[in-house]
N, C-alpha and C. Protein backbone atom coordinates (compact mmCIF):
# COMPACT_ATOMS: atom_id res chain seq x y z
N MET A 1 174.11 -62.76 -117.27
CA MET A 1 172.63 -63.63 -118.04
C MET A 1 173.30 -64.83 -117.42
N ASN A 2 172.01 -66.13 -117.65
CA ASN A 2 172.57 -67.57 -117.41
C ASN A 2 172.08 -68.50 -118.60
N LEU A 3 172.48 -69.74 -118.52
CA LEU A 3 172.20 -70.45 -119.87
C LEU A 3 171.21 -70.59 -120.23
N TYR A 4 170.01 -70.49 -118.96
CA TYR A 4 169.03 -71.31 -119.66
C TYR A 4 167.89 -69.97 -120.27
N THR A 5 168.39 -68.96 -120.25
CA THR A 5 168.26 -67.04 -120.76
C THR A 5 169.10 -66.68 -121.81
N ALA A 6 170.09 -67.76 -122.48
CA ALA A 6 170.93 -67.57 -123.74
C ALA A 6 170.29 -67.81 -124.65
N ASP A 7 171.07 -67.11 -125.79
CA ASP A 7 170.78 -67.37 -127.17
C ASP A 7 170.99 -68.79 -127.62
N ILE A 8 169.84 -69.19 -128.38
CA ILE A 8 169.84 -70.83 -128.79
C ILE A 8 171.95 -70.56 -130.51
N GLY A 9 172.67 -71.07 -130.52
CA GLY A 9 173.42 -71.46 -131.27
C GLY A 9 174.56 -70.41 -130.73
N LYS A 10 174.46 -68.99 -129.26
CA LYS A 10 175.68 -69.01 -129.69
C LYS A 10 176.54 -68.73 -128.51
N GLU A 11 177.53 -68.77 -128.67
CA GLU A 11 178.72 -69.56 -127.66
C GLU A 11 178.83 -68.56 -126.63
N TYR A 12 178.94 -68.59 -125.28
CA TYR A 12 179.30 -68.16 -124.58
C TYR A 12 180.44 -68.34 -123.72
N THR A 13 181.14 -67.67 -122.74
CA THR A 13 182.12 -67.90 -121.48
C THR A 13 181.37 -68.41 -120.31
N VAL A 14 181.77 -69.66 -119.84
CA VAL A 14 180.99 -69.64 -118.98
C VAL A 14 182.06 -68.90 -116.94
N LYS A 15 180.65 -67.67 -117.05
CA LYS A 15 182.00 -66.88 -116.05
C LYS A 15 181.51 -67.83 -114.24
N ALA A 16 180.30 -68.39 -113.94
CA ALA A 16 180.04 -68.65 -113.00
C ALA A 16 179.25 -69.58 -112.40
N ILE A 17 179.46 -70.43 -111.53
CA ILE A 17 178.31 -71.61 -111.39
C ILE A 17 177.85 -71.62 -110.13
N HIS A 18 176.71 -71.63 -110.07
CA HIS A 18 176.38 -71.48 -108.22
C HIS A 18 175.64 -71.97 -107.84
N THR A 19 175.90 -73.22 -107.37
CA THR A 19 175.40 -74.69 -106.77
C THR A 19 176.14 -74.85 -105.56
N ASN A 20 175.84 -75.33 -104.69
CA ASN A 20 175.54 -75.61 -102.86
C ASN A 20 176.13 -77.20 -103.63
N ASP A 21 176.63 -77.68 -104.59
CA ASP A 21 176.31 -79.29 -103.84
C ASP A 21 178.41 -79.26 -104.76
N ASP A 22 179.13 -80.18 -103.68
CA ASP A 22 180.08 -80.34 -104.39
C ASP A 22 180.40 -81.05 -105.27
N ASP A 23 179.03 -82.26 -105.08
CA ASP A 23 179.01 -84.03 -106.27
C ASP A 23 178.85 -83.41 -107.31
N LEU A 24 178.28 -82.01 -107.54
CA LEU A 24 177.62 -81.47 -109.13
C LEU A 24 178.92 -80.59 -109.92
N ASN A 25 179.18 -79.99 -109.11
CA ASN A 25 180.54 -79.37 -109.04
C ASN A 25 181.58 -79.91 -110.05
N ALA A 26 181.74 -81.29 -108.86
CA ALA A 26 182.76 -82.18 -109.37
C ALA A 26 182.43 -82.70 -110.98
N PHE A 27 181.27 -82.79 -110.84
CA PHE A 27 180.56 -83.53 -111.88
C PHE A 27 180.40 -82.69 -113.36
N LEU A 28 180.16 -81.36 -113.22
CA LEU A 28 180.47 -79.92 -114.36
C LEU A 28 181.67 -79.66 -114.95
N PHE A 29 182.39 -79.92 -113.57
CA PHE A 29 183.86 -79.91 -113.92
C PHE A 29 184.23 -81.10 -114.48
N SER A 30 184.01 -82.37 -114.41
CA SER A 30 184.45 -83.15 -115.40
C SER A 30 183.85 -83.40 -116.72
N LEU A 31 183.19 -82.43 -117.20
CA LEU A 31 182.40 -82.42 -118.46
C LEU A 31 183.49 -81.19 -118.78
N GLY A 32 183.65 -80.92 -118.28
CA GLY A 32 184.80 -79.40 -118.98
C GLY A 32 183.52 -77.80 -118.32
N CYS A 33 182.49 -78.06 -117.67
CA CYS A 33 181.81 -76.95 -117.68
C CYS A 33 182.39 -75.72 -116.62
N TYR A 34 183.48 -75.06 -116.79
CA TYR A 34 183.68 -74.75 -115.72
C TYR A 34 184.51 -73.06 -115.98
N ARG A 35 184.52 -72.54 -114.77
CA ARG A 35 184.80 -70.77 -115.33
C ARG A 35 185.63 -70.70 -116.68
N GLY A 36 185.34 -69.71 -117.12
CA GLY A 36 186.83 -69.45 -118.34
C GLY A 36 186.40 -70.39 -119.78
N GLU A 37 185.27 -71.53 -120.14
CA GLU A 37 185.09 -72.48 -120.66
C GLU A 37 184.49 -71.56 -121.17
N PRO A 38 184.05 -71.75 -122.78
CA PRO A 38 183.12 -71.88 -123.40
C PRO A 38 181.61 -72.99 -123.66
N ILE A 39 181.04 -72.18 -124.27
CA ILE A 39 179.22 -73.30 -123.81
C ILE A 39 179.07 -72.75 -124.83
N THR A 40 178.02 -73.53 -125.47
CA THR A 40 176.94 -72.96 -126.61
C THR A 40 175.05 -74.13 -126.33
N VAL A 41 174.30 -73.08 -126.58
CA VAL A 41 173.29 -73.94 -125.87
C VAL A 41 172.74 -73.61 -127.51
N ILE A 42 172.36 -75.27 -127.50
CA ILE A 42 171.85 -76.28 -128.21
C ILE A 42 170.78 -76.03 -128.93
N SER A 43 169.60 -75.96 -128.10
CA SER A 43 168.77 -76.29 -127.76
C SER A 43 167.69 -75.90 -126.79
N ARG A 44 166.78 -75.54 -126.37
CA ARG A 44 165.78 -75.30 -125.17
C ARG A 44 164.50 -76.48 -125.31
N ARG A 45 164.57 -76.82 -124.34
CA ARG A 45 163.16 -77.62 -124.10
C ARG A 45 162.64 -77.12 -122.52
N LYS A 46 161.81 -77.38 -122.27
CA LYS A 46 160.78 -77.29 -121.08
C LYS A 46 161.29 -76.98 -120.02
N SER A 47 162.16 -78.59 -119.89
CA SER A 47 162.87 -78.96 -118.52
C SER A 47 164.24 -78.99 -118.88
N GLY A 48 164.78 -78.07 -119.91
CA GLY A 48 165.99 -77.50 -119.31
C GLY A 48 166.84 -77.74 -121.14
N CYS A 49 168.04 -77.92 -121.39
CA CYS A 49 168.49 -77.24 -122.19
C CYS A 49 169.47 -78.42 -123.15
N ILE A 50 170.16 -78.24 -124.11
CA ILE A 50 171.03 -79.08 -125.04
C ILE A 50 172.07 -78.71 -125.09
N VAL A 51 173.23 -78.76 -124.53
CA VAL A 51 174.42 -77.87 -124.91
C VAL A 51 175.77 -78.57 -125.17
N SER A 52 176.73 -77.88 -125.73
CA SER A 52 177.74 -78.08 -126.67
C SER A 52 178.74 -77.21 -125.50
N ILE A 53 179.85 -78.57 -124.48
CA ILE A 53 180.67 -78.38 -123.67
C ILE A 53 182.01 -78.90 -124.71
N LYS A 54 182.85 -78.17 -125.17
CA LYS A 54 184.46 -79.02 -125.84
C LYS A 54 183.33 -80.10 -127.02
N ASP A 55 184.06 -80.99 -126.78
CA ASP A 55 183.00 -82.11 -128.01
C ASP A 55 182.42 -82.85 -127.81
N GLY A 56 181.59 -82.86 -126.49
CA GLY A 56 180.33 -83.48 -126.41
C GLY A 56 178.68 -82.20 -126.66
N ARG A 57 177.83 -82.89 -126.06
CA ARG A 57 176.47 -82.27 -126.12
C ARG A 57 175.87 -82.75 -124.77
N TYR A 58 175.49 -82.60 -124.59
CA TYR A 58 174.43 -83.01 -122.91
C TYR A 58 173.08 -82.26 -121.90
N HIS A 59 172.43 -83.10 -122.11
CA HIS A 59 171.49 -82.28 -121.23
C HIS A 59 171.48 -81.90 -119.95
N ILE A 60 170.77 -80.50 -119.74
CA ILE A 60 171.19 -80.18 -118.17
C ILE A 60 170.16 -79.18 -118.04
N ASP A 61 168.94 -79.74 -116.47
CA ASP A 61 167.84 -79.60 -116.44
C ASP A 61 167.95 -77.75 -116.26
N ARG A 62 166.33 -77.48 -116.01
CA ARG A 62 166.31 -75.86 -116.24
C ARG A 62 166.95 -75.35 -114.85
N ASN A 63 167.12 -75.62 -113.90
CA ASN A 63 167.66 -75.35 -112.33
C ASN A 63 168.69 -75.13 -113.02
N LEU A 64 170.02 -76.01 -113.41
CA LEU A 64 170.85 -76.06 -113.78
C LEU A 64 171.60 -75.32 -114.65
N ALA A 65 170.66 -75.01 -115.65
CA ALA A 65 171.31 -73.73 -116.47
C ALA A 65 170.31 -72.70 -116.01
N ALA A 66 169.92 -72.62 -115.26
CA ALA A 66 169.88 -71.24 -114.70
C ALA A 66 170.65 -70.86 -113.59
N ALA A 67 171.38 -71.58 -112.82
CA ALA A 67 173.13 -71.80 -111.76
C ALA A 67 173.95 -71.62 -112.94
N ILE A 68 174.40 -71.89 -113.92
CA ILE A 68 175.27 -71.60 -114.90
C ILE A 68 175.49 -69.34 -115.65
N LEU A 69 176.19 -69.51 -114.98
CA LEU A 69 176.21 -67.91 -115.99
C LEU A 69 177.12 -67.69 -116.50
N THR A 70 176.48 -67.02 -117.48
CA THR A 70 177.73 -67.04 -118.90
C THR A 70 178.13 -65.16 -119.24
N GLU A 71 178.78 -65.17 -119.73
CA GLU A 71 179.05 -63.57 -120.44
C GLU A 71 179.14 -63.85 -121.62
């Protein structure tokens, strides 16, 4: 399941991130979004999702949310 289709309020574990952009992968890693880390969808908008990673909340666009796979 990808993050954009995940249930709101449920904690998931990041399984994989499918992007071809090394800078984007490094940015996500700096936020704490990498394989094995918990992530929660706080709300969903047409343009993307608000997610909770560690102690922060971030807006990620729809394409990126679809690239983050959860289990």
